[in-house]
């Protein structure tokens, strides 16, 4: 696994409380909130994490601003979003020969309120003490992946995602 770089959590927390919704701004193509897109359709947007702790770490989000999983989505919308999480999980597991794919939903009404799922492949061979929450926490450092490599990574995941999505729909 690539060496992690320190992450300034305090600066990050200061910024997320005052800025607009980064997912809505990313979906609107605001250059100040650029993320490398993996997939998008009328309902969903998937992009690489700007602060990845694992190679291939993505976020899966409803395109519309929704905050509460149990009240802001219909059952059909939830199932569709989970289908995207499932397809992405299969892709990441295969592309990264992952031991496990972590999926969780984070955010709060105070910051990052737009509903989103983190989907991250855990490489084989990571020691137990560096797995699970430790592997996901930016406080333990983030991977520095340059813009060109992020673009190539997004394209690689996108190609596999579209193929897997097509096979799911056959």
C-alpha atoms as a PDB file:
ATOM      1  CA  UNK A   1       0.000   0.000   0.000  1.00  0.00           C
ATOM      2  CA  UNK A   2       1.236   3.524  -0.779  1.00  0.00           C
ATOM      3  CA  UNK A   3       2.697   5.498   2.114  1.00  0.00           C
ATOM      4  CA  UNK A   4       0.241   7.839   3.807  1.00  0.00           C
ATOM      5  CA  UNK A   5       0.890  11.550   4.265  1.00  0.00           C
ATOM      6  CA  UNK A   6      -0.227  13.569   7.320  1.00  0.00           C
ATOM      7  CA  UNK A   7      -3.725  15.063   7.115  1.00  0.00           C
ATOM      8  CA  UNK A   8      -4.645  18.396   8.737  1.00  0.00           C
ATOM      9  CA  UNK A   9      -7.927  17.383  10.352  1.00  0.00           C
ATOM     10  CA  UNK A  10      -8.412  20.733  12.124  1.00  0.00           C
ATOM     11  CA  UNK A  11      -8.196  22.689   8.848  1.00  0.00           C
ATOM     12  CA  UNK A  12     -10.554  20.220   7.196  1.00  0.00           C
ATOM     13  CA  UNK A  13     -13.110  20.528  10.012  1.00  0.00           C
ATOM     14  CA  UNK A  14     -12.908  24.330   9.934  1.00  0.00           C
ATOM     15  CA  UNK A  15     -13.675  24.299   6.221  1.00  0.00           C
ATOM     16  CA  UNK A  16     -16.559  21.848   6.123  1.00  0.00           C
ATOM     17  CA  UNK A  17     -18.672  23.780   8.614  1.00  0.00           C
ATOM     18  CA  UNK A  18     -18.781  26.905   6.464  1.00  0.00           C
ATOM     19  CA  UNK A  19     -18.582  25.838   2.823  1.00  0.00           C
ATOM     20  CA  UNK A  20     -21.494  24.857   0.584  1.00  0.00           C
ATOM     21  CA  UNK A  21     -22.412  21.208   0.112  1.00  0.00           C
ATOM     22  CA  UNK A  22     -19.408  19.710  -1.663  1.00  0.00           C
ATOM     23  CA  UNK A  23     -21.459  16.937  -3.288  1.00  0.00           C
ATOM     24  CA  UNK A  24     -24.018  19.355  -4.752  1.00  0.00           C
ATOM     25  CA  UNK A  25     -21.192  21.607  -5.948  1.00  0.00           C
ATOM     26  CA  UNK A  26     -19.310  18.630  -7.433  1.00  0.00           C
ATOM     27  CA  UNK A  27     -22.471  17.493  -9.254  1.00  0.00           C
ATOM     28  CA  UNK A  28     -22.917  21.055 -10.571  1.00  0.00           C
ATOM     29  CA  UNK A  29     -19.326  20.977 -11.911  1.00  0.00           C
ATOM     30  CA  UNK A  30     -18.147  23.838  -9.704  1.00  0.00           C
ATOM     31  CA  UNK A  31     -14.357  23.905 -10.302  1.00  0.00           C
ATOM     32  CA  UNK A  32     -13.757  24.805  -6.645  1.00  0.00           C
ATOM     33  CA  UNK A  33     -15.269  21.425  -5.690  1.00  0.00           C
ATOM     34  CA  UNK A  34     -13.708  19.278  -8.400  1.00  0.00           C
ATOM     35  CA  UNK A  35     -13.510  15.538  -7.809  1.00  0.00           C
ATOM     36  CA  UNK A  36     -12.568  12.844 -10.305  1.00  0.00           C
ATOM     37  CA  UNK A  37     -15.850  11.368 -11.535  1.00  0.00           C
ATOM     38  CA  UNK A  38     -16.248   7.637 -11.848  1.00  0.00           C
ATOM     39  CA  UNK A  39     -19.915   7.517 -12.856  1.00  0.00           C
ATOM     40  CA  UNK A  40     -23.019   9.631 -12.999  1.00  0.00           C
ATOM     41  CA  UNK A  41     -26.569   9.326 -14.185  1.00  0.00           C
ATOM     42  CA  UNK A  42     -29.786  11.201 -13.479  1.00  0.00           C
ATOM     43  CA  UNK A  43     -29.959   9.844  -9.913  1.00  0.00           C
ATOM     44  CA  UNK A  44     -26.418   9.036  -8.784  1.00  0.00           C
ATOM     45  CA  UNK A  45     -22.926  10.475  -8.781  1.00  0.00           C
ATOM     46  CA  UNK A  46     -19.797   8.460  -7.916  1.00  0.00           C
ATOM     47  CA  UNK A  47     -16.377  10.032  -7.533  1.00  0.00           C
ATOM     48  CA  UNK A  48     -12.979   9.382  -6.023  1.00  0.00           C
ATOM     49  CA  UNK A  49     -12.367  10.633  -2.518  1.00  0.00           C
ATOM     50  CA  UNK A  50     -10.230  13.754  -2.444  1.00  0.00           C
ATOM     51  CA  UNK A  51      -8.675  12.435   0.777  1.00  0.00           C
ATOM     52  CA  UNK A  52      -8.270   8.703   0.130  1.00  0.00           C
ATOM     53  CA  UNK A  53      -6.908   6.454   2.818  1.00  0.00           C
ATOM     54  CA  UNK A  54      -7.052   3.461   0.477  1.00  0.00           C
ATOM     55  CA  UNK A  55      -6.377   3.254  -3.268  1.00  0.00           C
ATOM     56  CA  UNK A  56      -9.704   3.363  -5.164  1.00  0.00           C
ATOM     57  CA  UNK A  57     -11.690   4.960  -2.301  1.00  0.00           C
ATOM     58  CA  UNK A  58     -14.957   6.308  -3.776  1.00  0.00           C
ATOM     59  CA  UNK A  59     -18.104   8.089  -2.646  1.00  0.00           C
ATOM     60  CA  UNK A  60     -21.541   7.083  -3.942  1.00  0.00           C
ATOM     61  CA  UNK A  61     -24.189   9.792  -3.598  1.00  0.00           C
ATOM     62  CA  UNK A  62     -27.699  10.617  -4.700  1.00  0.00           C
ATOM     63  CA  UNK A  63     -27.426  13.462  -7.209  1.00  0.00           C
ATOM     64  CA  UNK A  64     -30.147  15.473  -5.430  1.00  0.00           C
ATOM     65  CA  UNK A  65     -29.368  16.835  -2.005  1.00  0.00           C
ATOM     66  CA  UNK A  66     -30.797  14.299   0.421  1.00  0.00           C
ATOM     67  CA  UNK A  67     -29.773  14.155   4.057  1.00  0.00           C
ATOM     68  CA  UNK A  68     -31.712  11.479   5.894  1.00  0.00           C
ATOM     69  CA  UNK A  69     -31.472   7.909   4.664  1.00  0.00           C
ATOM     70  CA  UNK A  70     -34.684   6.793   6.340  1.00  0.00           C
ATOM     71  CA  UNK A  71     -36.831   9.844   5.523  1.00  0.00           C
ATOM     72  CA  UNK A  72     -35.444  11.545   2.397  1.00  0.00           C
ATOM     73  CA  UNK A  73     -35.311   8.523   0.097  1.00  0.00           C
ATOM     74  CA  UNK A  74     -38.104   6.321  -1.110  1.00  0.00           C
ATOM     75  CA  UNK A  75     -37.526   2.589  -0.857  1.00  0.00           C
ATOM     76  CA  UNK A  76     -36.960   2.450  -4.622  1.00  0.00           C
ATOM     77  CA  UNK A  77     -34.401   5.296  -4.460  1.00  0.00           C
ATOM     78  CA  UNK A  78     -32.570   3.570  -1.614  1.00  0.00           C
ATOM     79  CA  UNK A  79     -32.486   0.249  -3.476  1.00  0.00           C
ATOM     80  CA  UNK A  80     -31.168   1.985  -6.610  1.00  0.00           C
ATOM     81  CA  UNK A  81     -28.438   3.737  -4.616  1.00  0.00           C
ATOM     82  CA  UNK A  82     -27.480   0.456  -2.961  1.00  0.00           C
ATOM     83  CA  UNK A  83     -27.344  -1.188  -6.386  1.00  0.00           C
ATOM     84  CA  UNK A  84     -24.677   1.372  -7.321  1.00  0.00           C
ATOM     85  CA  UNK A  85     -22.790   0.614  -4.088  1.00  0.00           C
ATOM     86  CA  UNK A  86     -23.001  -3.113  -4.883  1.00  0.00           C
ATOM     87  CA  UNK A  87     -21.748  -2.729  -8.458  1.00  0.00           C
ATOM     88  CA  UNK A  88     -18.917  -0.445  -7.337  1.00  0.00           C
ATOM     89  CA  UNK A  89     -17.973  -2.873  -4.553  1.00  0.00           C
ATOM     90  CA  UNK A  90     -17.670  -5.730  -7.048  1.00  0.00           C
ATOM     91  CA  UNK A  91     -15.535  -3.563  -9.323  1.00  0.00           C
ATOM     92  CA  UNK A  92     -13.207  -2.388  -6.554  1.00  0.00           C
ATOM     93  CA  UNK A  93     -12.827  -5.904  -5.155  1.00  0.00           C
ATOM     94  CA  UNK A  94     -11.746  -7.168  -8.579  1.00  0.00           C
ATOM     95  CA  UNK A  95      -9.582  -4.220  -9.659  1.00  0.00           C
ATOM     96  CA  UNK A  96      -7.651  -4.054  -6.408  1.00  0.00           C
ATOM     97  CA  UNK A  97      -7.764  -7.758  -5.498  1.00  0.00           C
ATOM     98  CA  UNK A  98      -9.188  -6.534  -2.194  1.00  0.00           C
ATOM     99  CA  UNK A  99      -9.471  -8.661   0.917  1.00  0.00           C
ATOM    100  CA  UNK A 100     -12.601  -6.731   1.837  1.00  0.00           C
ATOM    101  CA  UNK A 101     -14.571  -3.743   0.580  1.00  0.00           C
ATOM    102  CA  UNK A 102     -15.625  -1.342   3.298  1.00  0.00           C
ATOM    103  CA  UNK A 103     -18.966   0.462   2.930  1.00  0.00           C
ATOM    104  CA  UNK A 104     -20.251   3.067   5.346  1.00  0.00           C
ATOM    105  CA  UNK A 105     -22.304   6.226   5.438  1.00  0.00           C
ATOM    106  CA  UNK A 106     -20.894   9.265   7.202  1.00  0.00           C
ATOM    107  CA  UNK A 107     -21.803  12.928   7.575  1.00  0.00           C
ATOM    108  CA  UNK A 108     -24.014  14.901   9.915  1.00  0.00           C
ATOM    109  CA  UNK A 109     -26.453  17.782   9.860  1.00  0.00           C
ATOM    110  CA  UNK A 110     -23.577  20.030  10.985  1.00  0.00           C
ATOM    111  CA  UNK A 111     -21.342  19.262   7.998  1.00  0.00           C
ATOM    112  CA  UNK A 112     -21.255  17.008   4.955  1.00  0.00           C
ATOM    113  CA  UNK A 113     -25.007  16.583   5.358  1.00  0.00           C
ATOM    114  CA  UNK A 114     -25.582  15.275   1.821  1.00  0.00           C
ATOM    115  CA  UNK A 115     -26.156  11.531   2.117  1.00  0.00           C
ATOM    116  CA  UNK A 116     -23.216   9.550   0.766  1.00  0.00           C
ATOM    117  CA  UNK A 117     -21.641   6.127   1.051  1.00  0.00           C
ATOM    118  CA  UNK A 118     -17.912   5.589   1.357  1.00  0.00           C
ATOM    119  CA  UNK A 119     -16.773   2.521  -0.593  1.00  0.00           C
ATOM    120  CA  UNK A 120     -13.123   1.563  -0.121  1.00  0.00           C
ATOM    121  CA  UNK A 121     -11.174  -1.577  -1.027  1.00  0.00           C
ATOM    122  CA  UNK A 122      -8.865  -2.989   1.645  1.00  0.00           C
ATOM    123  CA  UNK A 123      -5.789  -4.557   0.030  1.00  0.00           C
ATOM    124  CA  UNK A 124      -4.801  -8.069   0.989  1.00  0.00           C
ATOM    125  CA  UNK A 125      -1.980  -8.266   3.496  1.00  0.00           C
ATOM    126  CA  UNK A 126      -2.772  -5.174   5.573  1.00  0.00           C
ATOM    127  CA  UNK A 127      -2.004  -6.035   9.213  1.00  0.00           C
ATOM    128  CA  UNK A 128      -5.102  -6.367  11.392  1.00  0.00           C
ATOM    129  CA  UNK A 129      -4.148  -3.333  13.509  1.00  0.00           C
ATOM    130  CA  UNK A 130      -4.247  -1.195  10.329  1.00  0.00           C
ATOM    131  CA  UNK A 131      -7.586  -2.526   9.037  1.00  0.00           C
ATOM    132  CA  UNK A 132     -11.190  -1.491   9.677  1.00  0.00           C
ATOM    133  CA  UNK A 133     -11.583   2.006  11.196  1.00  0.00           C
ATOM    134  CA  UNK A 134      -7.831   2.565  11.225  1.00  0.00           C
ATOM    135  CA  UNK A 135      -7.709   2.022   7.448  1.00  0.00           C
ATOM    136  CA  UNK A 136     -10.480   4.559   6.875  1.00  0.00           C
ATOM    137  CA  UNK A 137      -9.492   7.345   9.268  1.00  0.00           C
ATOM    138  CA  UNK A 138      -7.820  10.350   7.650  1.00  0.00           C
ATOM    139  CA  UNK A 139      -6.299  11.102  11.042  1.00  0.00           C
ATOM    140  CA  UNK A 140      -3.937   8.201  10.257  1.00  0.00           C
ATOM    141  CA  UNK A 141      -2.884   9.970   7.060  1.00  0.00           C
ATOM    142  CA  UNK A 142      -4.118  10.075   3.491  1.00  0.00           C
ATOM    143  CA  UNK A 143      -2.625   8.846   0.247  1.00  0.00           C
ATOM    144  CA  UNK A 144      -1.093  11.511  -1.953  1.00  0.00           C
ATOM    145  CA  UNK A 145      -2.074  10.625  -5.510  1.00  0.00           C
ATOM    146  CA  UNK A 146      -1.259  13.260  -8.123  1.00  0.00           C
ATOM    147  CA  UNK A 147      -3.973  14.596 -10.400  1.00  0.00           C
ATOM    148  CA  UNK A 148      -2.856  12.651 -13.472  1.00  0.00           C
ATOM    149  CA  UNK A 149      -2.850   9.383 -11.546  1.00  0.00           C
ATOM    150  CA  UNK A 150      -6.256  10.189 -10.018  1.00  0.00           C
ATOM    151  CA  UNK A 151      -7.672  10.813 -13.501  1.00  0.00           C
ATOM    152  CA  UNK A 152      -6.268   7.501 -14.734  1.00  0.00           C
ATOM    153  CA  UNK A 153      -7.608   5.715 -11.654  1.00  0.00           C
ATOM    154  CA  UNK A 154     -11.084   7.210 -12.140  1.00  0.00           C
ATOM    155  CA  UNK A 155     -11.033   6.124 -15.787  1.00  0.00           C
ATOM    156  CA  UNK A 156      -9.936   2.596 -14.873  1.00  0.00           C
ATOM    157  CA  UNK A 157     -12.725   2.265 -12.302  1.00  0.00           C
ATOM    158  CA  UNK A 158     -15.266   3.878 -14.679  1.00  0.00           C
ATOM    159  CA  UNK A 159     -14.490   1.405 -17.473  1.00  0.00           C
ATOM    160  CA  UNK A 160     -14.872  -1.580 -15.147  1.00  0.00           C
ATOM    161  CA  UNK A 161     -17.969  -0.063 -13.513  1.00  0.00           C
ATOM    162  CA  UNK A 162     -19.762   0.422 -16.828  1.00  0.00           C
ATOM    163  CA  UNK A 163     -18.938  -3.145 -17.864  1.00  0.00           C
ATOM    164  CA  UNK A 164     -20.159  -4.545 -14.545  1.00  0.00           C
ATOM    165  CA  UNK A 165     -23.299  -2.399 -14.624  1.00  0.00           C
ATOM    166  CA  UNK A 166     -24.081  -3.670 -18.137  1.00  0.00           C
ATOM    167  CA  UNK A 167     -23.612  -7.291 -17.047  1.00  0.00           C
ATOM    168  CA  UNK A 168     -25.902  -6.724 -14.044  1.00  0.00           C
ATOM    169  CA  UNK A 169     -28.610  -5.390 -16.354  1.00  0.00           C
ATOM    170  CA  UNK A 170     -28.500  -8.298 -18.841  1.00  0.00           C
END
